[in-house]
């Protein structure tokens, strides 16, 4: 029986590409919203979920940071997906005849050069692959989409120009989520990431004291995101650090965190993606 991995978006979205890159033999499950993707995992409709958390150009994915703290799921891996946009249109369309371009609100500004060069009018869609599907359905040779090559293949569109993104470093970091934790055994020489949530009172120096142990024990913190409660009396943080729970420096840092922080929740420990090296 084949396994299934859920993602947010239409078939052919970059999240779909990330799923296929990591689990090429699995079935991918498109979900309309991030809430739906989390629900598919939690309810057992999917074995795993692939969720974007950061992009080098667009920044953090806010909805995911809202859903993660109370989801009850675990992080078992990460994946870095290069984003290579393609300009596509219905079969037989000519690039000089284009007048409109459709894509996601983050993808359009990532491709300003080609849009300005061709003098196209931009139209925002909820998803790059959804934009490709709409352009294919419309069948108008003056309308194009900016999406993945996978989307062009799925929806039968011609790619008129590859790699239309302005910046070559456009990369999205994905988290691989599971219903249960799956901490890999520690291996010397392997780089690990540990992700967790914690909260501190909204008073001077509370965060400084909570994080002091990571500095004194030489544990590298590579991500720190903040949230506030409904009364702005306490702050919650999401953090990624380099290390495995079996390594003594991380053990000491987490012990010290426990002295000054409340509600420390480990989301997962997993091998770092080769992109980090």
C-alpha atoms as a PDB file:
ATOM      1  CA  UNK A   1       0.000   0.000   0.000  1.00  0.00           C
ATOM      2  CA  UNK A   2       1.473   3.349  -1.077  1.00  0.00           C
ATOM      3  CA  UNK A   3       2.072   6.081   1.463  1.00  0.00           C
ATOM      4  CA  UNK A   4       0.725   9.612   1.188  1.00  0.00           C
ATOM      5  CA  UNK A   5       2.217  13.010   1.977  1.00  0.00           C
ATOM      6  CA  UNK A   6      -0.003  16.107   2.243  1.00  0.00           C
ATOM      7  CA  UNK A   7       0.832  19.629   1.110  1.00  0.00           C
ATOM      8  CA  UNK A   8      -0.962  22.968   0.713  1.00  0.00           C
ATOM      9  CA  UNK A   9      -1.761  23.956  -2.841  1.00  0.00           C
ATOM     10  CA  UNK A  10      -2.770  22.554  -6.197  1.00  0.00           C
ATOM     11  CA  UNK A  11      -1.039  19.662  -7.938  1.00  0.00           C
ATOM     12  CA  UNK A  12       2.200  21.011  -9.388  1.00  0.00           C
ATOM     13  CA  UNK A  13       2.808  23.547  -6.615  1.00  0.00           C
ATOM     14  CA  UNK A  14       6.346  23.963  -5.301  1.00  0.00           C
ATOM     15  CA  UNK A  15       5.245  22.110  -2.172  1.00  0.00           C
ATOM     16  CA  UNK A  16       4.226  19.240  -4.451  1.00  0.00           C
ATOM     17  CA  UNK A  17       7.705  19.339  -6.020  1.00  0.00           C
ATOM     18  CA  UNK A  18       9.286  19.227  -2.555  1.00  0.00           C
ATOM     19  CA  UNK A  19       7.196  16.171  -1.648  1.00  0.00           C
ATOM     20  CA  UNK A  20       8.238  14.377  -4.833  1.00  0.00           C
ATOM     21  CA  UNK A  21      11.898  15.305  -4.338  1.00  0.00           C
ATOM     22  CA  UNK A  22      12.056  13.749  -0.862  1.00  0.00           C
ATOM     23  CA  UNK A  23       9.538  10.920  -1.321  1.00  0.00           C
ATOM     24  CA  UNK A  24       9.506  10.124  -5.069  1.00  0.00           C
ATOM     25  CA  UNK A  25       7.520   6.893  -4.626  1.00  0.00           C
ATOM     26  CA  UNK A  26       4.787   8.375  -2.435  1.00  0.00           C
ATOM     27  CA  UNK A  27       1.396   9.722  -3.448  1.00  0.00           C
ATOM     28  CA  UNK A  28       1.027  13.464  -2.916  1.00  0.00           C
ATOM     29  CA  UNK A  29      -2.199  14.873  -1.454  1.00  0.00           C
ATOM     30  CA  UNK A  30      -3.114  18.469  -2.457  1.00  0.00           C
ATOM     31  CA  UNK A  31      -4.922  20.455   0.267  1.00  0.00           C
ATOM     32  CA  UNK A  32      -6.653  23.794  -0.207  1.00  0.00           C
ATOM     33  CA  UNK A  33      -5.312  25.433   2.972  1.00  0.00           C
ATOM     34  CA  UNK A  34      -2.570  24.882   5.542  1.00  0.00           C
ATOM     35  CA  UNK A  35      -5.298  24.009   8.053  1.00  0.00           C
ATOM     36  CA  UNK A  36      -6.469  21.277   5.669  1.00  0.00           C
ATOM     37  CA  UNK A  37      -2.933  19.925   5.266  1.00  0.00           C
ATOM     38  CA  UNK A  38      -2.452  19.734   9.045  1.00  0.00           C
ATOM     39  CA  UNK A  39      -5.883  18.105   9.411  1.00  0.00           C
ATOM     40  CA  UNK A  40      -5.061  15.506   6.744  1.00  0.00           C
ATOM     41  CA  UNK A  41      -2.002  14.489   8.752  1.00  0.00           C
ATOM     42  CA  UNK A  42      -3.676  14.573  12.169  1.00  0.00           C
ATOM     43  CA  UNK A  43      -6.761  12.659  10.958  1.00  0.00           C
ATOM     44  CA  UNK A  44      -4.673   9.956   9.294  1.00  0.00           C
ATOM     45  CA  UNK A  45      -5.541  10.791   5.685  1.00  0.00           C
ATOM     46  CA  UNK A  46      -1.823  11.333   5.086  1.00  0.00           C
ATOM     47  CA  UNK A  47       1.238   9.677   6.589  1.00  0.00           C
ATOM     48  CA  UNK A  48       3.300  12.886   6.528  1.00  0.00           C
ATOM     49  CA  UNK A  49       2.950  16.555   5.593  1.00  0.00           C
ATOM     50  CA  UNK A  50       5.404  18.853   3.780  1.00  0.00           C
ATOM     51  CA  UNK A  51       4.937  22.424   4.977  1.00  0.00           C
ATOM     52  CA  UNK A  52       6.906  25.554   3.917  1.00  0.00           C
ATOM     53  CA  UNK A  53       8.185  27.640   6.801  1.00  0.00           C
ATOM     54  CA  UNK A  54      10.594  30.205   5.285  1.00  0.00           C
ATOM     55  CA  UNK A  55      11.605  31.638   1.914  1.00  0.00           C
ATOM     56  CA  UNK A  56      14.824  33.553   1.257  1.00  0.00           C
ATOM     57  CA  UNK A  57      12.901  36.343  -0.503  1.00  0.00           C
ATOM     58  CA  UNK A  58       9.403  36.326   1.020  1.00  0.00           C
ATOM     59  CA  UNK A  59      10.405  35.555   4.616  1.00  0.00           C
ATOM     60  CA  UNK A  60       8.425  33.410   7.037  1.00  0.00           C
ATOM     61  CA  UNK A  61       5.131  31.703   6.203  1.00  0.00           C
ATOM     62  CA  UNK A  62       2.898  33.268   8.838  1.00  0.00           C
ATOM     63  CA  UNK A  63       0.030  30.756   8.743  1.00  0.00           C
ATOM     64  CA  UNK A  64       2.382  27.872   9.493  1.00  0.00           C
ATOM     65  CA  UNK A  65       3.844  29.628  12.529  1.00  0.00           C
ATOM     66  CA  UNK A  66       0.293  30.124  13.780  1.00  0.00           C
ATOM     67  CA  UNK A  67      -0.618  26.449  13.335  1.00  0.00           C
ATOM     68  CA  UNK A  68       2.528  24.724  14.578  1.00  0.00           C
ATOM     69  CA  UNK A  69       2.447  25.513  18.328  1.00  0.00           C
ATOM     70  CA  UNK A  70      -0.883  23.786  19.031  1.00  0.00           C
ATOM     71  CA  UNK A  71      -0.903  21.158  16.292  1.00  0.00           C
ATOM     72  CA  UNK A  72       0.442  18.264  18.358  1.00  0.00           C
ATOM     73  CA  UNK A  73       2.541  17.050  15.411  1.00  0.00           C
ATOM     74  CA  UNK A  74       6.296  16.438  15.332  1.00  0.00           C
ATOM     75  CA  UNK A  75       9.035  17.621  12.993  1.00  0.00           C
ATOM     76  CA  UNK A  76      10.998  14.686  11.560  1.00  0.00           C
ATOM     77  CA  UNK A  77      12.975  16.412   8.819  1.00  0.00           C
ATOM     78  CA  UNK A  78      13.643  19.475   6.711  1.00  0.00           C
ATOM     79  CA  UNK A  79      14.028  20.089   2.990  1.00  0.00           C
ATOM     80  CA  UNK A  80      15.376  23.083   1.065  1.00  0.00           C
ATOM     81  CA  UNK A  81      13.729  23.496  -2.351  1.00  0.00           C
ATOM     82  CA  UNK A  82      15.214  25.876  -4.951  1.00  0.00           C
ATOM     83  CA  UNK A  83      12.411  27.885  -6.551  1.00  0.00           C
ATOM     84  CA  UNK A  84      12.811  28.086 -10.323  1.00  0.00           C
ATOM     85  CA  UNK A  85       9.907  29.927 -11.913  1.00  0.00           C
ATOM     86  CA  UNK A  86       8.839  29.339 -15.504  1.00  0.00           C
ATOM     87  CA  UNK A  87       6.674  31.536 -17.732  1.00  0.00           C
ATOM     88  CA  UNK A  88       4.020  29.336 -19.340  1.00  0.00           C
ATOM     89  CA  UNK A  89       0.982  29.748 -21.578  1.00  0.00           C
ATOM     90  CA  UNK A  90      -1.527  27.645 -23.552  1.00  0.00           C
ATOM     91  CA  UNK A  91      -0.206  25.487 -26.395  1.00  0.00           C
ATOM     92  CA  UNK A  92       0.858  27.550 -29.390  1.00  0.00           C
ATOM     93  CA  UNK A  93       0.992  30.873 -27.533  1.00  0.00           C
ATOM     94  CA  UNK A  94       3.757  33.300 -28.506  1.00  0.00           C
ATOM     95  CA  UNK A  95       5.688  35.288 -25.915  1.00  0.00           C
ATOM     96  CA  UNK A  96       5.347  38.519 -27.917  1.00  0.00           C
ATOM     97  CA  UNK A  97       1.527  38.205 -27.824  1.00  0.00           C
ATOM     98  CA  UNK A  98       1.254  37.966 -24.020  1.00  0.00           C
ATOM     99  CA  UNK A  99      -0.617  40.709 -22.154  1.00  0.00           C
ATOM    100  CA  UNK A 100      -1.430  39.166 -18.757  1.00  0.00           C
ATOM    101  CA  UNK A 101       0.429  37.061 -16.208  1.00  0.00           C
ATOM    102  CA  UNK A 102      -1.070  35.088 -13.301  1.00  0.00           C
ATOM    103  CA  UNK A 103       0.680  33.763 -10.185  1.00  0.00           C
ATOM    104  CA  UNK A 104       0.946  33.787  -6.396  1.00  0.00           C
ATOM    105  CA  UNK A 105       1.333  37.104  -4.575  1.00  0.00           C
ATOM    106  CA  UNK A 106       4.930  36.204  -3.629  1.00  0.00           C
ATOM    107  CA  UNK A 107       5.919  34.818  -7.038  1.00  0.00           C
ATOM    108  CA  UNK A 108       4.958  37.910  -9.045  1.00  0.00           C
ATOM    109  CA  UNK A 109       7.389  40.330  -7.327  1.00  0.00           C
ATOM    110  CA  UNK A 110      10.089  37.645  -7.579  1.00  0.00           C
ATOM    111  CA  UNK A 111       9.828  37.959 -11.378  1.00  0.00           C
ATOM    112  CA  UNK A 112       9.575  41.723 -11.864  1.00  0.00           C
ATOM    113  CA  UNK A 113      12.229  41.859 -14.586  1.00  0.00           C
ATOM    114  CA  UNK A 114      10.436  39.602 -17.068  1.00  0.00           C
ATOM    115  CA  UNK A 115       7.021  41.101 -16.218  1.00  0.00           C
ATOM    116  CA  UNK A 116       8.318  44.639 -16.848  1.00  0.00           C
ATOM    117  CA  UNK A 117      10.258  43.587 -19.939  1.00  0.00           C
ATOM    118  CA  UNK A 118       7.137  42.109 -21.530  1.00  0.00           C
ATOM    119  CA  UNK A 119       4.784  44.802 -20.185  1.00  0.00           C
ATOM    120  CA  UNK A 120       2.413  42.278 -18.622  1.00  0.00           C
ATOM    121  CA  UNK A 121      -0.515  43.032 -16.320  1.00  0.00           C
ATOM    122  CA  UNK A 122      -0.217  40.972 -13.122  1.00  0.00           C
ATOM    123  CA  UNK A 123      -3.090  38.991 -11.599  1.00  0.00           C
ATOM    124  CA  UNK A 124      -2.772  37.514  -8.089  1.00  0.00           C
ATOM    125  CA  UNK A 125      -3.829  33.924  -7.351  1.00  0.00           C
ATOM    126  CA  UNK A 126      -3.780  31.897  -4.159  1.00  0.00           C
ATOM    127  CA  UNK A 127      -1.281  29.424  -5.598  1.00  0.00           C
ATOM    128  CA  UNK A 128       1.206  29.263  -8.487  1.00  0.00           C
ATOM    129  CA  UNK A 129      -0.118  25.900  -9.688  1.00  0.00           C
ATOM    130  CA  UNK A 130      -3.684  27.144  -9.335  1.00  0.00           C
ATOM    131  CA  UNK A 131      -2.765  30.063 -11.589  1.00  0.00           C
ATOM    132  CA  UNK A 132      -1.372  27.602 -14.148  1.00  0.00           C
ATOM    133  CA  UNK A 133      -4.571  25.555 -13.991  1.00  0.00           C
ATOM    134  CA  UNK A 134      -6.709  28.683 -14.524  1.00  0.00           C
ATOM    135  CA  UNK A 135      -4.611  29.792 -17.515  1.00  0.00           C
ATOM    136  CA  UNK A 136      -4.918  26.314 -19.030  1.00  0.00           C
ATOM    137  CA  UNK A 137      -8.692  26.336 -18.519  1.00  0.00           C
ATOM    138  CA  UNK A 138      -9.016  29.829 -20.010  1.00  0.00           C
ATOM    139  CA  UNK A 139      -6.999  28.838 -23.073  1.00  0.00           C
ATOM    140  CA  UNK A 140      -6.358  32.471 -24.018  1.00  0.00           C
ATOM    141  CA  UNK A 141      -2.920  32.859 -25.692  1.00  0.00           C
ATOM    142  CA  UNK A 142      -2.578  36.378 -24.262  1.00  0.00           C
ATOM    143  CA  UNK A 143      -2.637  35.038 -20.698  1.00  0.00           C
ATOM    144  CA  UNK A 144       0.398  33.366 -19.084  1.00  0.00           C
ATOM    145  CA  UNK A 145       1.231  31.950 -15.675  1.00  0.00           C
ATOM    146  CA  UNK A 146       4.373  31.921 -13.571  1.00  0.00           C
ATOM    147  CA  UNK A 147       4.702  28.541 -11.893  1.00  0.00           C
ATOM    148  CA  UNK A 148       6.829  25.404 -11.760  1.00  0.00           C
ATOM    149  CA  UNK A 149       7.811  23.230 -14.718  1.00  0.00           C
ATOM    150  CA  UNK A 150       5.845  20.457 -13.004  1.00  0.00           C
ATOM    151  CA  UNK A 151       2.691  22.605 -13.196  1.00  0.00           C
ATOM    152  CA  UNK A 152       3.260  23.196 -16.926  1.00  0.00           C
ATOM    153  CA  UNK A 153       3.503  19.451 -17.450  1.00  0.00           C
ATOM    154  CA  UNK A 154       0.415  18.656 -15.366  1.00  0.00           C
ATOM    155  CA  UNK A 155      -1.820  21.297 -16.994  1.00  0.00           C
ATOM    156  CA  UNK A 156      -0.514  20.971 -20.551  1.00  0.00           C
ATOM    157  CA  UNK A 157       1.044  24.413 -20.916  1.00  0.00           C
ATOM    158  CA  UNK A 158       4.004  25.464 -23.046  1.00  0.00           C
ATOM    159  CA  UNK A 159       7.004  26.887 -21.196  1.00  0.00           C
ATOM    160  CA  UNK A 160       7.907  30.090 -23.032  1.00  0.00           C
ATOM    161  CA  UNK A 161      10.863  30.980 -20.800  1.00  0.00           C
ATOM    162  CA  UNK A 162      12.672  29.124 -18.005  1.00  0.00           C
ATOM    163  CA  UNK A 163      14.212  30.572 -14.846  1.00  0.00           C
ATOM    164  CA  UNK A 164      12.398  33.919 -14.891  1.00  0.00           C
ATOM    165  CA  UNK A 165      13.034  34.628 -11.185  1.00  0.00           C
ATOM    166  CA  UNK A 166      15.077  37.754 -10.491  1.00  0.00           C
ATOM    167  CA  UNK A 167      17.285  36.100  -7.842  1.00  0.00           C
ATOM    168  CA  UNK A 168      18.971  32.715  -8.201  1.00  0.00           C
ATOM    169  CA  UNK A 169      19.095  32.210  -4.425  1.00  0.00           C
ATOM    170  CA  UNK A 170      15.292  31.933  -4.163  1.00  0.00           C
ATOM    171  CA  UNK A 171      14.881  28.915  -1.862  1.00  0.00           C
ATOM    172  CA  UNK A 172      12.108  27.666   0.409  1.00  0.00           C
ATOM    173  CA  UNK A 173      12.705  25.690   3.578  1.00  0.00           C
ATOM    174  CA  UNK A 174      10.117  22.994   4.278  1.00  0.00           C
ATOM    175  CA  UNK A 175       9.422  21.043   7.457  1.00  0.00           C
ATOM    176  CA  UNK A 176       8.430  17.387   7.226  1.00  0.00           C
ATOM    177  CA  UNK A 177       5.739  16.687   9.816  1.00  0.00           C
ATOM    178  CA  UNK A 178       4.518  13.417  11.329  1.00  0.00           C
ATOM    179  CA  UNK A 179       1.973  12.433  13.956  1.00  0.00           C
ATOM    180  CA  UNK A 180       4.675  10.849  16.129  1.00  0.00           C
ATOM    181  CA  UNK A 181       8.227  11.904  16.948  1.00  0.00           C
ATOM    182  CA  UNK A 182      11.047  10.018  15.213  1.00  0.00           C
ATOM    183  CA  UNK A 183      14.364  11.065  16.743  1.00  0.00           C
ATOM    184  CA  UNK A 184      17.331   9.586  14.846  1.00  0.00           C
ATOM    185  CA  UNK A 185      20.078   7.865  16.813  1.00  0.00           C
ATOM    186  CA  UNK A 186      23.067  10.145  17.324  1.00  0.00           C
ATOM    187  CA  UNK A 187      26.002   9.565  14.964  1.00  0.00           C
ATOM    188  CA  UNK A 188      29.335  11.325  15.441  1.00  0.00           C
ATOM    189  CA  UNK A 189      30.056  13.757  12.603  1.00  0.00           C
ATOM    190  CA  UNK A 190      26.400  14.155  11.564  1.00  0.00           C
ATOM    191  CA  UNK A 191      24.724  17.565  11.804  1.00  0.00           C
ATOM    192  CA  UNK A 192      21.368  17.599  13.603  1.00  0.00           C
ATOM    193  CA  UNK A 193      18.681  20.215  14.159  1.00  0.00           C
ATOM    194  CA  UNK A 194      16.404  20.457  17.192  1.00  0.00           C
ATOM    195  CA  UNK A 195      13.238  22.575  17.076  1.00  0.00           C
ATOM    196  CA  UNK A 196      11.214  23.683  20.088  1.00  0.00           C
ATOM    197  CA  UNK A 197       8.766  26.206  21.515  1.00  0.00           C
ATOM    198  CA  UNK A 198       9.124  28.030  24.815  1.00  0.00           C
ATOM    199  CA  UNK A 199       7.514  30.991  26.564  1.00  0.00           C
ATOM    200  CA  UNK A 200       8.818  33.776  28.794  1.00  0.00           C
ATOM    201  CA  UNK A 201       7.125  36.505  30.805  1.00  0.00           C
ATOM    202  CA  UNK A 202       6.983  39.921  29.177  1.00  0.00           C
ATOM    203  CA  UNK A 203       9.516  41.517  31.530  1.00  0.00           C
ATOM    204  CA  UNK A 204      12.983  43.021  30.951  1.00  0.00           C
ATOM    205  CA  UNK A 205      15.815  40.557  30.234  1.00  0.00           C
ATOM    206  CA  UNK A 206      13.580  37.443  30.323  1.00  0.00           C
ATOM    207  CA  UNK A 207      14.631  36.336  26.834  1.00  0.00           C
ATOM    208  CA  UNK A 208      18.271  37.202  27.516  1.00  0.00           C
ATOM    209  CA  UNK A 209      18.295  34.966  30.595  1.00  0.00           C
ATOM    210  CA  UNK A 210      16.435  32.142  28.865  1.00  0.00           C
ATOM    211  CA  UNK A 211      18.883  32.005  25.968  1.00  0.00           C
ATOM    212  CA  UNK A 212      22.094  32.553  27.910  1.00  0.00           C
ATOM    213  CA  UNK A 213      22.773  28.826  28.169  1.00  0.00           C
ATOM    214  CA  UNK A 214      22.959  28.436  24.414  1.00  0.00           C
ATOM    215  CA  UNK A 215      25.689  31.069  24.216  1.00  0.00           C
ATOM    216  CA  UNK A 216      27.742  29.765  27.150  1.00  0.00           C
ATOM    217  CA  UNK A 217      27.558  26.178  25.892  1.00  0.00           C
ATOM    218  CA  UNK A 218      28.367  27.020  22.282  1.00  0.00           C
ATOM    219  CA  UNK A 219      25.034  25.902  20.809  1.00  0.00           C
ATOM    220  CA  UNK A 220      24.232  27.679  17.554  1.00  0.00           C
ATOM    221  CA  UNK A 221      20.670  29.041  17.310  1.00  0.00           C
ATOM    222  CA  UNK A 222      19.807  29.522  13.640  1.00  0.00           C
ATOM    223  CA  UNK A 223      16.163  30.602  13.929  1.00  0.00           C
ATOM    224  CA  UNK A 224      14.110  32.445  16.549  1.00  0.00           C
ATOM    225  CA  UNK A 225      10.519  33.562  15.928  1.00  0.00           C
ATOM    226  CA  UNK A 226       8.317  35.368  18.453  1.00  0.00           C
ATOM    227  CA  UNK A 227       4.574  35.407  19.232  1.00  0.00           C
ATOM    228  CA  UNK A 228       2.609  37.241  21.909  1.00  0.00           C
ATOM    229  CA  UNK A 229      -0.427  36.088  23.878  1.00  0.00           C
ATOM    230  CA  UNK A 230      -3.825  37.758  23.637  1.00  0.00           C
ATOM    231  CA  UNK A 231      -3.034  40.106  26.548  1.00  0.00           C
ATOM    232  CA  UNK A 232       0.559  40.874  25.520  1.00  0.00           C
ATOM    233  CA  UNK A 233       1.697  39.642  28.951  1.00  0.00           C
ATOM    234  CA  UNK A 234       3.858  36.750  27.767  1.00  0.00           C
ATOM    235  CA  UNK A 235       5.793  35.906  24.654  1.00  0.00           C
ATOM    236  CA  UNK A 236       6.186  32.529  23.004  1.00  0.00           C
ATOM    237  CA  UNK A 237       9.108  31.639  20.771  1.00  0.00           C
ATOM    238  CA  UNK A 238       9.903  29.056  18.136  1.00  0.00           C
ATOM    239  CA  UNK A 239      13.587  28.165  17.835  1.00  0.00           C
ATOM    240  CA  UNK A 240      15.846  25.959  15.709  1.00  0.00           C
ATOM    241  CA  UNK A 241      19.245  25.050  17.141  1.00  0.00           C
ATOM    242  CA  UNK A 242      22.081  22.933  15.857  1.00  0.00           C
ATOM    243  CA  UNK A 243      22.462  19.834  17.996  1.00  0.00           C
ATOM    244  CA  UNK A 244      21.136  16.484  19.156  1.00  0.00           C
ATOM    245  CA  UNK A 245      19.658  15.828  22.636  1.00  0.00           C
ATOM    246  CA  UNK A 246      22.433  13.283  23.289  1.00  0.00           C
ATOM    247  CA  UNK A 247      25.087  15.994  22.932  1.00  0.00           C
ATOM    248  CA  UNK A 248      26.104  17.450  26.291  1.00  0.00           C
ATOM    249  CA  UNK A 249      26.204  21.142  25.224  1.00  0.00           C
ATOM    250  CA  UNK A 250      22.575  21.003  24.093  1.00  0.00           C
ATOM    251  CA  UNK A 251      21.560  19.149  27.259  1.00  0.00           C
ATOM    252  CA  UNK A 252      23.093  21.902  29.413  1.00  0.00           C
ATOM    253  CA  UNK A 253      21.558  24.676  27.299  1.00  0.00           C
ATOM    254  CA  UNK A 254      18.089  23.119  27.515  1.00  0.00           C
ATOM    255  CA  UNK A 255      18.454  22.671  31.288  1.00  0.00           C
ATOM    256  CA  UNK A 256      19.250  26.352  31.685  1.00  0.00           C
ATOM    257  CA  UNK A 257      16.366  27.278  29.379  1.00  0.00           C
ATOM    258  CA  UNK A 258      14.077  25.362  31.731  1.00  0.00           C
ATOM    259  CA  UNK A 259      15.095  27.564  34.662  1.00  0.00           C
ATOM    260  CA  UNK A 260      13.947  30.779  32.999  1.00  0.00           C
ATOM    261  CA  UNK A 261      11.298  29.689  30.478  1.00  0.00           C
ATOM    262  CA  UNK A 262       7.941  28.005  30.720  1.00  0.00           C
ATOM    263  CA  UNK A 263       6.106  25.544  28.493  1.00  0.00           C
ATOM    264  CA  UNK A 264       9.203  24.197  26.740  1.00  0.00           C
ATOM    265  CA  UNK A 265       7.961  21.857  24.005  1.00  0.00           C
ATOM    266  CA  UNK A 266      10.353  19.909  21.811  1.00  0.00           C
ATOM    267  CA  UNK A 267       8.925  19.720  18.285  1.00  0.00           C
ATOM    268  CA  UNK A 268      11.555  17.363  16.933  1.00  0.00           C
ATOM    269  CA  UNK A 269      15.175  16.424  16.332  1.00  0.00           C
ATOM    270  CA  UNK A 270      16.207  15.525  12.791  1.00  0.00           C
ATOM    271  CA  UNK A 271      19.197  15.403  10.464  1.00  0.00           C
ATOM    272  CA  UNK A 272      20.116  18.745   8.944  1.00  0.00           C
ATOM    273  CA  UNK A 273      19.531  19.026   5.198  1.00  0.00           C
ATOM    274  CA  UNK A 274      22.727  19.034   3.069  1.00  0.00           C
ATOM    275  CA  UNK A 275      21.844  22.610   2.020  1.00  0.00           C
ATOM    276  CA  UNK A 276      23.172  23.757   5.408  1.00  0.00           C
ATOM    277  CA  UNK A 277      26.664  22.481   4.647  1.00  0.00           C
END
